[in-house]
Amino acid sequence: MTKPIVNLSDYDPNWGKQFDYEQKRILDVLDDKAVGIEHIGSTSIKGLEAKPIITLL
């Protein structure tokens, strides 16, 4: 069995912009049915290395 490889990236200030874009797309569809959408995980912490995957809750 091979070990999985996790690639970390330096913090990217565009991660916040990517979240904003995805949040707007979701809210456009859900309208007033959404209570909230949050950017969570390591990409939401400024300055932290992270897997370059935007996580939403």
N, C-alpha and C. Protein backbone atom coordinates (compact mmCIF):
# COMPACT_ATOMS: atom_id res chain seq x y z
N MET A 1 0.83 -1.17 0.00
CA MET A 1 0.00 0.00 0.00
C MET A 1 0.89 1.25 0.00
N THR A 2 0.61 2.16 -0.90
CA THR A 2 1.41 3.37 -0.97
C THR A 2 0.88 4.43 0.00
N LYS A 3 1.80 5.22 0.52
CA LYS A 3 1.41 6.30 1.42
C LYS A 3 0.85 7.46 0.60
N PRO A 4 -0.24 8.05 1.06
CA PRO A 4 -0.76 9.22 0.33
C PRO A 4 0.20 10.40 0.48
N ILE A 5 0.24 11.23 -0.55
CA ILE A 5 1.09 12.41 -0.53
C ILE A 5 0.20 13.64 -0.38
N VAL A 6 0.54 14.48 0.57
CA VAL A 6 -0.19 15.72 0.78
C VAL A 6 0.73 16.86 0.38
N ASN A 7 0.29 17.65 -0.58
CA ASN A 7 1.07 18.80 -1.04
C ASN A 7 0.55 20.06 -0.38
N LEU A 8 1.44 20.76 0.32
CA LEU A 8 1.07 22.03 0.94
C LEU A 8 1.59 23.17 0.09
N SER A 9 0.82 24.25 0.09
CA SER A 9 1.21 25.45 -0.65
C SER A 9 1.38 26.60 0.34
N ASP A 10 2.25 27.54 -0.03
CA ASP A 10 2.35 28.76 0.76
C ASP A 10 0.99 29.46 0.73
N TYR A 11 0.73 30.28 1.75
CA TYR A 11 -0.54 31.01 1.80
C TYR A 11 -0.72 31.83 0.53
N ASP A 12 -1.93 31.79 0.01
CA ASP A 12 -2.27 32.54 -1.21
C ASP A 12 -3.41 33.50 -0.88
N PRO A 13 -3.19 34.80 -0.98
CA PRO A 13 -4.26 35.76 -0.67
C PRO A 13 -5.49 35.60 -1.57
N ASN A 14 -5.35 34.93 -2.68
CA ASN A 14 -6.50 34.70 -3.57
C ASN A 14 -7.48 33.68 -3.01
N TRP A 15 -7.08 32.90 -2.00
CA TRP A 15 -8.00 31.92 -1.43
C TRP A 15 -9.25 32.60 -0.88
N GLY A 16 -9.10 33.74 -0.25
CA GLY A 16 -10.26 34.48 0.26
C GLY A 16 -11.15 34.94 -0.87
N LYS A 17 -10.57 35.37 -1.98
CA LYS A 17 -11.35 35.80 -3.15
C LYS A 17 -12.07 34.61 -3.77
N GLN A 18 -11.41 33.46 -3.80
CA GLN A 18 -12.05 32.26 -4.34
C GLN A 18 -13.25 31.86 -3.48
N PHE A 19 -13.08 31.97 -2.16
CA PHE A 19 -14.21 31.68 -1.27
C PHE A 19 -15.36 32.64 -1.55
N ASP A 20 -15.08 33.94 -1.64
CA ASP A 20 -16.12 34.93 -1.90
C ASP A 20 -16.90 34.58 -3.18
N TYR A 21 -16.17 34.18 -4.21
CA TYR A 21 -16.79 33.82 -5.48
C TYR A 21 -17.74 32.62 -5.31
N GLU A 22 -17.25 31.57 -4.65
CA GLU A 22 -18.07 30.36 -4.46
C GLU A 22 -19.25 30.64 -3.54
N GLN A 23 -19.03 31.44 -2.50
CA GLN A 23 -20.12 31.79 -1.59
C GLN A 23 -21.24 32.51 -2.35
N LYS A 24 -20.89 33.45 -3.21
CA LYS A 24 -21.88 34.18 -3.99
C LYS A 24 -22.65 33.24 -4.91
N ARG A 25 -21.95 32.32 -5.56
CA ARG A 25 -22.61 31.37 -6.45
C ARG A 25 -23.63 30.52 -5.70
N ILE A 26 -23.26 30.08 -4.51
CA ILE A 26 -24.16 29.24 -3.72
C ILE A 26 -25.36 30.06 -3.23
N LEU A 27 -25.09 31.27 -2.73
CA LEU A 27 -26.18 32.12 -2.24
C LEU A 27 -27.12 32.53 -3.35
N ASP A 28 -26.61 32.71 -4.57
CA ASP A 28 -27.48 33.02 -5.70
C ASP A 28 -28.49 31.92 -5.96
N VAL A 29 -28.10 30.67 -5.70
CA VAL A 29 -29.00 29.54 -5.92
C VAL A 29 -29.92 29.33 -4.72
N LEU A 30 -29.36 29.40 -3.52
CA LEU A 30 -30.14 29.10 -2.31
C LEU A 30 -30.99 30.27 -1.83
N ASP A 31 -30.62 31.48 -2.22
CA ASP A 31 -31.34 32.69 -1.85
C ASP A 31 -31.50 32.76 -0.34
N ASP A 32 -32.72 32.90 0.15
CA ASP A 32 -32.95 33.08 1.59
C ASP A 32 -33.01 31.76 2.35
N LYS A 33 -32.76 30.64 1.69
CA LYS A 33 -32.77 29.33 2.35
C LYS A 33 -31.47 29.06 3.12
N ALA A 34 -30.44 29.83 2.84
CA ALA A 34 -29.14 29.63 3.50
C ALA A 34 -29.07 30.48 4.76
N VAL A 35 -28.68 29.86 5.85
CA VAL A 35 -28.46 30.59 7.11
C VAL A 35 -27.11 31.28 7.06
N GLY A 36 -26.12 30.63 6.48
CA GLY A 36 -24.79 31.20 6.35
C GLY A 36 -23.86 30.24 5.66
N ILE A 37 -22.80 30.78 5.11
CA ILE A 37 -21.76 29.98 4.48
C ILE A 37 -20.44 30.52 5.00
N GLU A 38 -19.61 29.65 5.55
CA GLU A 38 -18.35 30.06 6.16
C GLU A 38 -17.17 29.42 5.45
N HIS A 39 -16.07 30.16 5.41
CA HIS A 39 -14.79 29.67 4.90
C HIS A 39 -14.06 29.05 6.10
N ILE A 40 -13.85 27.74 6.06
CA ILE A 40 -13.21 27.06 7.18
C ILE A 40 -11.95 26.35 6.69
N GLY A 41 -11.21 25.78 7.60
CA GLY A 41 -10.04 25.00 7.23
C GLY A 41 -8.80 25.86 7.10
N SER A 42 -7.72 25.22 6.70
CA SER A 42 -6.42 25.89 6.71
C SER A 42 -6.30 27.02 5.70
N THR A 43 -7.06 26.99 4.59
CA THR A 43 -6.96 28.09 3.63
C THR A 43 -7.61 29.37 4.15
N SER A 44 -8.37 29.27 5.24
CA SER A 44 -9.02 30.46 5.79
C SER A 44 -8.12 31.21 6.78
N ILE A 45 -6.95 30.66 7.09
CA ILE A 45 -6.06 31.26 8.09
C ILE A 45 -4.90 31.96 7.36
N LYS A 46 -4.90 33.28 7.44
CA LYS A 46 -3.88 34.07 6.73
C LYS A 46 -2.48 33.69 7.19
N GLY A 47 -1.60 33.45 6.22
CA GLY A 47 -0.21 33.15 6.50
C GLY A 47 0.12 31.68 6.68
N LEU A 48 -0.89 30.83 6.77
CA LEU A 48 -0.66 29.41 7.04
C LEU A 48 -0.49 28.62 5.75
N GLU A 49 0.50 27.73 5.70
CA GLU A 49 0.60 26.78 4.59
C GLU A 49 -0.64 25.90 4.62
N ALA A 50 -1.09 25.48 3.45
CA ALA A 50 -2.31 24.68 3.42
C ALA A 50 -2.39 23.84 2.15
N LYS A 51 -3.26 22.82 2.21
CA LYS A 51 -3.63 22.14 0.98
C LYS A 51 -4.47 23.15 0.22
N PRO A 52 -4.20 23.39 -1.05
CA PRO A 52 -4.90 24.45 -1.77
C PRO A 52 -6.32 24.04 -2.18
N ILE A 53 -7.14 23.75 -1.17
CA ILE A 53 -8.53 23.34 -1.37
C ILE A 53 -9.39 24.24 -0.47
N ILE A 54 -10.31 24.99 -1.07
CA ILE A 54 -11.18 25.88 -0.32
C ILE A 54 -12.28 25.04 0.32
N THR A 55 -12.41 25.12 1.64
CA THR A 55 -13.41 24.35 2.36
C THR A 55 -14.50 25.29 2.86
N LEU A 56 -15.75 24.92 2.57
CA LEU A 56 -16.90 25.74 2.97
C LEU A 56 -17.77 24.94 3.92
N LEU A 57 -18.43 25.66 4.81
CA LEU A 57 -19.38 25.05 5.73
C LEU A 57 -20.65 25.84 5.67
